[in-house]
Amino acid sequence: MRQVNALVLILAGTGLFWHGYELGRSVRGAVQRLGAEVHGTLHNELDVTTATWFMIAGGVLVAAGTAALLKR
């Protein structure tokens, strides 16, 4: 059962990462990047787009699933 859960985490993480990647390449992603860059320049802070958050969450899920799969 643990292996099934680990595989589900890996698949879900891969899906989230891919969704973030595609979102970043879309027109909406370009607009978000521009808005984040302008806001970050005006307020001296780092703004992270939605696409980046999807990719980070996907990477965390893949790492957790891989760790669970490799755990003895």
Protein backbone atom coordinates (compact mmCIF):
# COMPACT_ATOMS: atom_id res chain seq x y z
CA MET A 1 0.00 0.00 0.00
CA ARG A 2 2.88 2.35 0.76
CA GLN A 3 4.24 1.86 -2.75
CA VAL A 4 0.89 2.80 -4.25
CA ASN A 5 0.77 5.98 -2.16
CA ALA A 6 4.34 6.83 -3.18
CA LEU A 7 3.51 6.37 -6.85
CA VAL A 8 0.41 8.55 -6.47
CA LEU A 9 2.58 11.28 -4.91
CA ILE A 10 5.07 11.03 -7.76
CA LEU A 11 2.35 11.18 -10.41
CA ALA A 12 0.57 14.08 -8.71
CA GLY A 13 3.85 15.96 -8.34
CA THR A 14 4.73 15.38 -11.97
CA GLY A 15 1.30 16.65 -12.98
CA LEU A 16 1.63 19.78 -10.85
CA PHE A 17 5.12 20.46 -12.17
CA TRP A 18 3.96 20.04 -15.77
CA HIS A 19 0.95 22.30 -15.17
CA GLY A 20 3.23 24.99 -13.73
CA TYR A 21 5.60 24.65 -16.66
CA GLU A 22 2.79 25.02 -19.19
CA LEU A 23 1.29 27.91 -17.23
CA GLY A 24 4.63 29.70 -17.26
CA ARG A 25 4.86 29.37 -21.05
CA SER A 26 1.32 30.68 -21.66
CA VAL A 27 0.21 34.26 -22.23
CA ARG A 28 -1.21 34.36 -18.72
CA GLY A 29 2.17 33.28 -17.35
CA ALA A 30 3.95 36.00 -19.32
CA VAL A 31 1.58 38.61 -17.90
CA GLN A 32 2.12 37.29 -14.37
CA ARG A 33 5.91 37.36 -14.82
CA LEU A 34 5.74 40.94 -16.05
CA GLY A 35 3.51 41.96 -13.14
CA ALA A 36 5.77 40.21 -10.63
CA GLU A 37 8.84 41.86 -12.13
CA VAL A 38 7.29 45.33 -12.00
CA HIS A 39 5.99 44.83 -8.46
CA GLY A 40 9.32 43.45 -7.31
CA THR A 41 11.17 46.39 -8.83
CA LEU A 42 8.86 48.95 -7.22
CA HIS A 43 8.86 47.35 -3.77
CA ASN A 44 12.32 45.76 -3.66
CA GLU A 45 10.91 42.30 -3.01
CA LEU A 46 10.91 38.97 -4.76
CA ASP A 47 7.51 38.08 -6.20
CA VAL A 48 6.86 34.49 -7.19
CA THR A 49 4.32 33.68 -9.88
CA THR A 50 1.64 31.03 -9.68
CA ALA A 51 3.54 28.90 -12.20
CA THR A 52 6.58 28.89 -9.94
CA TRP A 53 4.51 27.80 -6.94
CA PHE A 54 3.03 24.93 -8.96
CA MET A 55 6.52 23.81 -9.97
CA ILE A 56 7.83 24.03 -6.39
CA ALA A 57 4.85 22.06 -5.04
CA GLY A 58 5.29 19.46 -7.77
CA GLY A 59 8.96 19.07 -6.95
CA VAL A 60 8.20 18.62 -3.26
CA LEU A 61 5.59 15.95 -4.00
CA VAL A 62 7.95 14.08 -6.33
CA ALA A 63 10.71 14.20 -3.70
CA ALA A 64 8.33 12.96 -0.98
CA GLY A 65 7.04 10.17 -3.20
CA THR A 66 10.55 9.11 -4.16
CA ALA A 67 11.65 9.10 -0.52
CA ALA A 68 8.63 7.00 0.45
CA LEU A 69 9.27 4.60 -2.41
CA LEU A 70 12.93 4.13 -1.48
CA LYS A 71 12.28 3.81 2.26
CA ARG A 72 12.68 0.25 3.53
